[in-house]
N, C-alpha and C. Protein backbone atom coordinates (compact mmCIF):
# COMPACT_ATOMS: atom_id res chain seq x y z
N MET A 1 5.49 70.36 35.88
CA MET A 1 6.80 70.97 36.60
C MET A 1 6.45 72.44 36.34
N GLY A 2 6.55 73.10 37.67
CA GLY A 2 6.63 74.38 37.82
C GLY A 2 8.03 75.32 37.51
N VAL A 3 7.88 76.26 37.09
CA VAL A 3 9.24 77.16 37.31
C VAL A 3 9.63 77.69 38.22
N GLN A 4 11.00 77.39 38.90
CA GLN A 4 11.63 77.86 39.98
C GLN A 4 12.17 79.29 39.73
N VAL A 5 12.17 80.25 40.24
CA VAL A 5 12.58 81.54 40.12
C VAL A 5 13.83 81.61 41.12
N LYS A 6 14.86 82.02 40.59
CA LYS A 6 16.04 82.17 41.25
C LYS A 6 15.87 83.56 42.47
N PRO A 7 16.14 83.19 43.47
CA PRO A 7 15.95 84.38 44.53
C PRO A 7 17.33 85.33 44.25
N SER A 8 17.12 86.60 44.76
CA SER A 8 17.90 87.59 44.75
C SER A 8 19.14 87.13 46.03
N VAL A 9 20.49 87.53 45.78
CA VAL A 9 21.37 87.20 46.87
C VAL A 9 20.82 87.53 48.21
N ARG A 10 20.09 88.83 48.36
CA ARG A 10 19.53 89.21 49.64
C ARG A 10 18.43 88.23 50.02
N GLU A 11 17.44 87.86 49.19
CA GLU A 11 16.43 86.89 49.39
C GLU A 11 16.92 85.62 49.95
N LEU A 12 17.90 85.29 49.37
CA LEU A 12 18.55 83.96 49.41
C LEU A 12 19.27 84.09 50.84
N VAL A 13 19.99 84.99 50.96
CA VAL A 13 20.58 85.20 52.77
C VAL A 13 19.53 85.42 53.63
N GLU A 14 18.62 85.95 53.30
CA GLU A 14 17.45 86.14 54.28
C GLU A 14 16.69 84.63 54.67
N LEU A 15 16.48 83.98 53.52
CA LEU A 15 15.87 82.79 53.57
C LEU A 15 16.75 81.70 54.40
N ARG A 16 17.89 81.80 54.07
CA ARG A 16 19.12 81.09 55.07
C ARG A 16 18.97 81.25 56.34
N ARG A 17 19.21 82.65 56.68
CA ARG A 17 19.18 82.86 58.20
C ARG A 17 17.84 82.60 58.89
N ARG A 18 16.79 82.78 58.03
CA ARG A 18 15.48 82.39 58.83
C ARG A 18 15.24 80.85 59.30
N ASP A 19 15.77 79.95 58.18
CA ASP A 19 15.80 78.44 58.22
C ASP A 19 17.24 78.10 58.95
N LYS A 20 18.07 79.09 59.40
CA LYS A 20 19.23 78.42 60.15
C LYS A 20 19.87 77.49 59.18
N SER A 21 20.02 77.95 57.93
CA SER A 21 20.67 76.85 57.25
C SER A 21 22.31 77.01 57.23
N GLU A 22 22.76 76.11 57.21
CA GLU A 22 24.49 75.84 57.57
C GLU A 22 25.16 75.30 56.11
N PRO A 23 26.25 76.06 55.87
CA PRO A 23 27.21 75.56 54.81
C PRO A 23 27.12 73.91 54.60
N GLY A 24 27.03 73.17 53.71
CA GLY A 24 27.09 71.88 53.52
C GLY A 24 26.01 70.87 53.85
N VAL A 25 24.98 71.69 54.28
CA VAL A 25 23.58 71.07 54.63
C VAL A 25 22.31 71.96 54.38
N ARG A 26 22.63 72.38 53.18
CA ARG A 26 21.63 73.33 52.83
C ARG A 26 20.23 72.80 52.45
N LYS A 27 19.04 73.53 52.87
CA LYS A 27 17.91 73.11 52.36
C LYS A 27 17.47 73.50 51.30
N ASP A 28 18.10 74.38 50.53
CA ASP A 28 17.47 74.81 49.06
C ASP A 28 18.82 74.23 47.96
N PRO A 29 18.26 74.88 46.82
CA PRO A 29 19.34 73.96 45.79
C PRO A 29 20.19 74.88 45.30
N TRP A 30 20.60 76.21 45.88
CA TRP A 30 21.41 77.23 45.28
C TRP A 30 22.71 77.41 46.05
N LYS A 31 23.53 77.75 45.25
CA LYS A 31 25.15 77.93 45.55
C LYS A 31 25.36 79.39 45.68
N LEU A 32 25.75 79.87 46.94
CA LEU A 32 26.14 80.94 47.05
C LEU A 32 27.66 81.47 47.48
N ALA A 33 28.56 82.05 46.59
CA ALA A 33 29.75 82.27 46.65
C ALA A 33 30.31 83.52 46.90
N VAL A 34 31.31 83.96 47.69
CA VAL A 34 31.89 84.94 47.69
C VAL A 34 33.20 84.94 47.23
N VAL A 35 33.68 86.28 46.51
CA VAL A 35 34.97 86.05 45.90
C VAL A 35 35.27 87.36 45.68
N ALA A 36 36.73 87.25 46.44
CA ALA A 36 37.40 88.53 46.72
C ALA A 36 38.87 88.50 45.91
N GLU A 37 38.74 89.59 45.17
CA GLU A 37 40.14 89.64 44.51
C GLU A 37 40.83 90.67 45.24
N ASP A 38 42.13 90.95 44.53
CA ASP A 38 43.00 92.04 45.30
C ASP A 38 44.11 92.54 44.52
N GLY A 39 44.60 93.55 44.79
CA GLY A 39 45.46 94.31 44.05
C GLY A 39 46.01 95.48 45.02
N ALA A 40 47.32 94.92 45.17
CA ALA A 40 48.20 95.90 46.28
C ALA A 40 47.41 95.62 47.54
N MET A 41 47.27 96.74 48.16
CA MET A 41 46.46 96.46 49.60
C MET A 41 44.90 96.60 49.55
N LEU A 42 44.47 96.48 48.22
CA LEU A 42 42.94 96.32 48.46
C LEU A 42 42.47 95.32 49.15
N TRP A 43 43.34 94.03 49.39
CA TRP A 43 42.54 93.32 50.48
C TRP A 43 41.94 93.81 51.58
N VAL A 44 42.36 95.06 51.98
CA VAL A 44 41.70 95.46 53.01
C VAL A 44 40.33 95.79 52.87
N VAL A 45 39.93 96.02 51.58
CA VAL A 45 38.39 96.51 51.21
C VAL A 45 37.82 95.18 51.47
N ALA A 46 38.33 93.83 50.97
CA ALA A 46 37.59 92.84 51.04
C ALA A 46 37.56 92.36 52.22
N ALA A 47 38.56 92.40 53.07
CA ALA A 47 38.49 92.24 54.75
C ALA A 47 37.47 92.88 55.18
N GLY A 48 37.32 94.16 54.91
CA GLY A 48 36.44 94.81 55.65
C GLY A 48 34.80 94.71 55.55
N ILE A 49 34.66 94.00 53.89
CA ILE A 49 33.43 93.73 53.50
C ILE A 49 32.97 92.28 54.12
N LEU A 50 34.20 91.24 54.16
CA LEU A 50 34.16 89.96 54.88
C LEU A 50 33.68 89.95 56.00
N SER A 51 34.42 91.24 56.94
CA SER A 51 34.23 91.15 58.24
C SER A 51 32.61 91.38 58.94
N ARG A 52 31.81 92.22 57.68
CA ARG A 52 30.81 92.73 58.19
C ARG A 52 29.66 91.46 57.86
N LEU A 53 29.91 90.70 56.92
CA LEU A 53 29.15 89.71 56.42
C LEU A 53 29.34 88.58 57.62
N GLU A 54 30.63 88.50 58.12
CA GLU A 54 30.86 87.42 59.13
C GLU A 54 30.21 87.84 60.53
N GLU A 55 30.10 89.23 60.81
CA GLU A 55 29.33 89.94 61.88
C GLU A 55 27.93 89.59 61.82
N HIS A 56 27.43 89.64 60.59
CA HIS A 56 25.94 89.30 60.26
C HIS A 56 25.65 87.81 60.22
N GLY A 57 26.67 86.78 60.55
CA GLY A 57 26.52 85.38 60.13
C GLY A 57 25.99 85.16 58.75
N VAL A 58 26.70 85.68 57.76
CA VAL A 58 26.49 85.16 56.40
C VAL A 58 27.53 84.26 56.09
N PHE A 59 27.28 83.19 55.81
CA PHE A 59 28.39 82.24 55.13
C PHE A 59 28.06 81.43 53.96
N PRO A 60 28.87 81.69 52.96
CA PRO A 60 28.43 81.40 51.63
C PRO A 60 28.80 79.69 51.60
N ASP A 61 28.34 79.25 50.35
CA ASP A 61 28.85 77.44 50.22
C ASP A 61 30.31 77.68 49.48
N MET A 62 30.58 78.79 49.33
CA MET A 62 32.00 78.68 48.89
C MET A 62 32.55 80.10 48.90
N VAL A 63 34.05 79.99 48.92
CA VAL A 63 34.71 81.41 49.22
C VAL A 63 35.87 81.30 48.10
N VAL A 64 36.22 82.37 47.30
CA VAL A 64 37.25 81.98 46.54
C VAL A 64 38.02 83.25 46.44
N GLY A 65 39.28 83.56 46.49
CA GLY A 65 39.96 84.70 46.50
C GLY A 65 41.57 84.56 45.77
N THR A 66 41.91 85.58 45.28
CA THR A 66 43.29 85.66 44.64
C THR A 66 44.02 86.36 45.48
N SER A 67 45.52 86.27 45.73
CA SER A 67 46.26 86.96 46.32
C SER A 67 45.87 87.51 47.81
N GLY A 68 45.70 88.77 48.28
CA GLY A 68 45.36 89.16 49.40
C GLY A 68 43.90 89.05 49.74
N GLY A 69 43.00 88.70 48.75
CA GLY A 69 41.77 88.25 48.83
C GLY A 69 41.63 87.00 49.09
N GLY A 70 42.52 86.25 48.85
CA GLY A 70 42.71 84.70 49.07
C GLY A 70 42.78 84.61 50.52
N GLU A 71 43.88 85.56 50.98
CA GLU A 71 44.30 85.51 52.48
C GLU A 71 42.81 86.06 53.41
N ALA A 72 42.51 86.99 52.80
CA ALA A 72 41.11 87.72 53.39
C ALA A 72 40.11 86.62 53.41
N VAL A 73 39.75 85.65 52.53
CA VAL A 73 38.40 84.78 52.38
C VAL A 73 39.04 83.51 53.50
N VAL A 74 40.22 83.24 53.43
CA VAL A 74 40.61 82.06 54.48
C VAL A 74 40.21 82.55 56.05
N TYR A 75 40.48 83.64 56.41
CA TYR A 75 40.23 84.16 57.52
C TYR A 75 38.71 84.40 57.62
N TYR A 76 38.09 84.78 56.71
CA TYR A 76 36.52 84.74 56.72
C TYR A 76 35.99 83.13 57.04
N ALA A 77 36.40 82.15 56.06
CA ALA A 77 35.78 81.01 56.38
C ALA A 77 36.20 80.65 57.69
N ALA A 78 37.36 80.66 58.49
CA ALA A 78 37.50 80.46 59.57
C ALA A 78 37.16 81.14 60.87
N GLN A 79 36.20 82.19 60.15
CA GLN A 79 35.60 83.42 61.26
C GLN A 79 36.32 83.90 62.20
N GLN A 80 37.57 84.32 61.49
CA GLN A 80 38.67 85.21 62.25
C GLN A 80 38.79 86.46 61.31
N THR A 81 37.88 86.87 60.73
CA THR A 81 38.01 88.03 59.85
C THR A 81 38.65 89.37 60.51
N ARG A 82 37.85 89.63 61.41
CA ARG A 82 38.29 91.03 62.11
C ARG A 82 39.65 91.01 62.87
N SER A 83 39.70 89.83 63.75
CA SER A 83 40.92 90.21 64.55
C SER A 83 42.19 89.97 63.82
N CYS A 84 42.02 88.90 62.80
CA CYS A 84 43.29 88.48 62.11
C CYS A 84 43.60 89.86 61.03
N SER A 85 42.72 90.30 60.28
CA SER A 85 43.00 91.29 59.63
C SER A 85 43.73 92.49 59.98
N ALA A 86 43.09 92.77 61.17
CA ALA A 86 43.80 93.99 62.01
C ALA A 86 45.21 93.65 62.17
N LYS A 87 45.40 92.17 62.54
CA LYS A 87 47.21 91.88 62.92
C LYS A 87 47.77 92.20 61.79
N VAL A 88 47.17 91.64 60.56
CA VAL A 88 48.04 91.53 59.22
C VAL A 88 48.41 92.99 58.80
N LEU A 89 47.26 93.82 58.99
CA LEU A 89 47.31 95.39 58.37
C LEU A 89 48.49 96.02 59.35
N THR A 90 48.30 95.59 60.90
CA THR A 90 49.67 96.38 61.61
C THR A 90 50.92 95.79 61.25
N HIS A 91 50.94 94.31 60.96
CA HIS A 91 52.42 94.29 60.55
C HIS A 91 52.67 94.68 59.21
N LEU A 92 51.65 94.72 58.19
CA LEU A 92 52.56 95.56 56.86
C LEU A 92 52.45 96.77 57.08
N SER A 93 51.81 97.46 57.83
CA SER A 93 51.99 98.94 58.00
C SER A 93 53.39 99.09 58.80
N HIS A 94 53.90 98.38 59.53
CA HIS A 94 55.08 98.38 60.41
C HIS A 94 56.35 98.15 59.09
N ARG A 95 56.14 97.56 58.26
CA ARG A 95 56.84 97.19 57.30
C ARG A 95 57.30 98.32 56.35
N GLY A 96 56.45 99.02 56.43
CA GLY A 96 56.52 100.52 55.61
C GLY A 96 55.98 100.77 54.30
N PHE A 97 54.77 99.79 54.28
CA PHE A 97 54.06 100.11 52.90
C PHE A 97 53.53 101.59 52.90
N ASP A 98 53.49 101.83 51.42
CA ASP A 98 53.01 103.27 51.29
C ASP A 98 51.66 103.33 50.98
N GLY A 99 51.36 104.20 50.25
CA GLY A 99 49.86 104.51 50.08
C GLY A 99 49.28 103.39 48.94
N ASP A 100 49.98 103.39 48.09
CA ASP A 100 49.57 102.28 46.96
C ASP A 100 49.88 100.80 47.18
N GLY A 101 50.13 100.57 48.64
CA GLY A 101 50.46 99.21 48.79
C GLY A 101 51.70 98.41 48.39
N ARG A 102 52.68 99.34 48.42
CA ARG A 102 53.92 98.63 47.82
C ARG A 102 55.09 98.81 49.10
N SER A 103 56.08 98.00 49.04
CA SER A 103 56.85 98.08 50.02
C SER A 103 58.35 97.51 49.39
N ARG A 104 59.11 98.13 49.69
CA ARG A 104 60.61 97.62 48.92
C ARG A 104 60.91 96.42 49.95
N ARG A 105 60.48 96.31 51.06
CA ARG A 105 60.86 94.94 51.71
C ARG A 105 59.90 93.73 51.29
N PHE A 106 58.64 94.22 50.88
CA PHE A 106 57.69 92.94 50.28
C PHE A 106 57.67 92.93 48.94
N ILE A 107 57.84 93.96 48.13
CA ILE A 107 57.91 93.63 46.92
C ILE A 107 58.86 94.69 46.30
N ASP A 108 59.81 94.11 45.63
CA ASP A 108 60.90 94.89 45.09
C ASP A 108 61.30 94.50 43.79
N THR A 109 60.87 95.16 42.61
CA THR A 109 61.17 94.83 41.32
C THR A 109 62.47 94.85 40.82
N LYS A 110 63.54 95.33 41.78
CA LYS A 110 64.94 95.55 41.57
C LYS A 110 65.29 93.85 41.76
N ARG A 111 64.54 93.06 42.17
CA ARG A 111 64.97 91.70 42.50
C ARG A 111 64.85 90.93 41.08
N LEU A 112 64.17 91.70 40.02
CA LEU A 112 64.12 90.71 38.87
C LEU A 112 65.55 90.61 38.37
N MET A 113 66.27 91.58 38.67
CA MET A 113 67.57 91.21 38.21
C MET A 113 68.74 90.37 38.94
N THR A 114 68.28 89.90 40.24
CA THR A 114 68.99 89.12 40.87
C THR A 114 67.95 87.53 41.00
N ARG A 115 68.61 86.64 41.60
CA ARG A 115 67.74 85.55 41.90
C ARG A 115 66.69 85.51 43.18
N GLU A 116 66.96 86.73 43.85
CA GLU A 116 65.72 86.65 44.81
C GLU A 116 64.49 86.86 44.01
N PRO A 117 63.14 86.27 45.00
CA PRO A 117 61.76 86.70 44.50
C PRO A 117 61.66 88.11 44.60
N VAL A 118 60.83 88.46 43.61
CA VAL A 118 60.26 89.75 43.69
C VAL A 118 59.28 89.97 44.78
N MET A 119 58.73 89.14 45.31
CA MET A 119 57.92 89.26 46.33
C MET A 119 58.12 88.50 47.62
N ASP A 120 58.21 88.96 48.50
CA ASP A 120 58.33 88.03 50.03
C ASP A 120 57.45 87.49 50.51
N LEU A 121 57.12 86.40 49.63
CA LEU A 121 55.96 85.54 50.26
C LEU A 121 56.34 84.59 51.50
N GLU A 122 57.36 84.31 51.46
CA GLU A 122 57.83 83.37 52.49
C GLU A 122 57.70 84.17 53.97
N GLY A 123 58.01 85.54 54.00
CA GLY A 123 58.07 86.45 54.99
C GLY A 123 56.55 86.31 55.30
N MET A 124 55.73 86.16 54.62
CA MET A 124 54.09 86.85 54.77
C MET A 124 53.62 85.29 55.36
N VAL A 125 54.10 84.19 54.77
CA VAL A 125 53.70 82.90 55.30
C VAL A 125 54.00 82.57 56.64
N ASP A 126 55.53 82.67 56.56
CA ASP A 126 56.17 82.12 58.06
C ASP A 126 55.90 83.22 59.00
N VAL A 127 55.80 84.44 58.86
CA VAL A 127 55.63 85.37 59.82
C VAL A 127 54.26 85.76 60.25
N VAL A 128 53.56 86.24 58.87
CA VAL A 128 52.38 86.88 59.39
C VAL A 128 51.22 85.64 59.62
N PHE A 129 51.25 84.64 58.69
CA PHE A 129 49.92 83.61 58.73
C PHE A 129 50.40 82.71 59.78
N SER A 130 51.73 82.37 60.02
CA SER A 130 51.97 81.22 61.27
C SER A 130 52.06 81.99 62.46
N GLN A 131 52.46 83.21 62.89
CA GLN A 131 52.99 83.78 63.75
C GLN A 131 52.22 84.94 64.53
N ARG A 132 51.75 86.01 63.59
CA ARG A 132 51.40 87.13 64.02
C ARG A 132 49.67 86.92 64.10
N ALA A 133 49.29 86.28 62.98
CA ALA A 133 47.82 86.35 62.85
C ALA A 133 47.57 84.61 62.31
N PRO A 134 47.89 83.90 63.14
CA PRO A 134 47.69 82.35 62.60
C PRO A 134 46.31 82.07 62.27
N VAL A 135 46.15 81.09 60.95
CA VAL A 135 44.85 80.66 60.83
C VAL A 135 44.41 79.60 61.72
N ASP A 136 43.20 79.76 62.16
CA ASP A 136 42.62 78.61 62.97
C ASP A 136 42.10 77.40 62.28
N PHE A 137 42.59 76.58 61.80
CA PHE A 137 42.39 75.53 60.72
C PHE A 137 41.17 74.75 61.53
N ASP A 138 41.30 74.36 62.76
CA ASP A 138 40.27 73.83 63.23
C ASP A 138 38.79 74.67 63.18
N GLY A 139 38.92 76.01 63.18
CA GLY A 139 37.56 76.71 62.83
C GLY A 139 37.54 76.75 61.44
N LEU A 140 38.39 76.76 60.77
CA LEU A 140 38.06 76.60 59.10
C LEU A 140 37.15 75.34 58.79
N ARG A 141 37.51 74.31 59.49
CA ARG A 141 36.69 73.07 59.27
C ARG A 141 35.34 73.01 59.93
N ARG A 142 35.32 73.72 61.26
CA ARG A 142 34.04 73.65 61.67
C ARG A 142 33.07 74.70 60.93
N GLY A 143 33.65 75.65 60.25
CA GLY A 143 32.86 76.68 59.63
C GLY A 143 32.38 76.17 58.14
N HIS A 144 33.32 75.23 57.79
CA HIS A 144 32.92 74.64 56.56
C HIS A 144 33.30 72.98 56.45
N PRO A 145 31.79 72.39 56.96
CA PRO A 145 31.99 71.13 56.71
C PRO A 145 32.34 70.27 55.61
N HIS A 146 32.19 70.85 54.44
CA HIS A 146 32.39 70.33 53.12
C HIS A 146 33.95 70.17 52.97
N LEU A 147 34.75 70.77 53.79
CA LEU A 147 36.32 70.69 53.53
C LEU A 147 36.80 69.57 54.03
N PRO A 148 37.72 68.87 53.41
CA PRO A 148 38.32 67.55 53.79
C PRO A 148 39.00 67.71 55.02
N ASP A 149 39.10 66.64 55.90
CA ASP A 149 39.71 66.58 57.22
C ASP A 149 40.94 66.24 56.75
N ARG A 150 41.81 66.96 57.36
CA ARG A 150 43.23 66.78 56.85
C ARG A 150 44.09 65.79 57.58
N ASP A 151 43.47 65.38 59.01
CA ASP A 151 43.97 64.38 59.56
C ASP A 151 43.43 62.90 58.70
N ALA A 152 42.34 62.82 58.24
CA ALA A 152 41.80 61.62 57.50
C ALA A 152 42.58 61.57 56.31
N ALA A 153 43.00 62.61 55.56
CA ALA A 153 43.76 62.57 54.64
C ALA A 153 45.18 62.13 54.70
N ALA A 154 45.65 62.16 55.83
CA ALA A 154 47.02 61.67 56.34
C ALA A 154 47.18 60.39 56.36
N ARG A 155 45.89 59.68 56.92
CA ARG A 155 46.08 58.29 57.42
C ARG A 155 46.00 57.60 56.09
């Protein structure tokens, strides 16, 4: 039994592009993941990098994200990174975010003393992700065939 040398990420991506390998039906034994974290408005950095990966047709086997990074990887998995991230950024800019990503309307620590949530996640989900820059769930499924079919799950 020979020793199998792990390829670098670059070598793996090049191999998959050459073989036209698709997520869920890979010809190699490797798993490639993209992980995007967040901190205030740093999701913009993740979205920029993911946009470039999307532009070059690099789609991993798994995407993982937290907070705004989670939002960025959902758009990436649905192949909507560039268009939707621009819409989200425009919406957030109009809500008065300052340089470090804080907004009294979105994050307000004074709400700790009330029964209101500190973060206005409802506004993000209801307004941004549903109306301003809706996620293409059908595109999400097409881009990642290993995701469960929500219609089949409902049956």
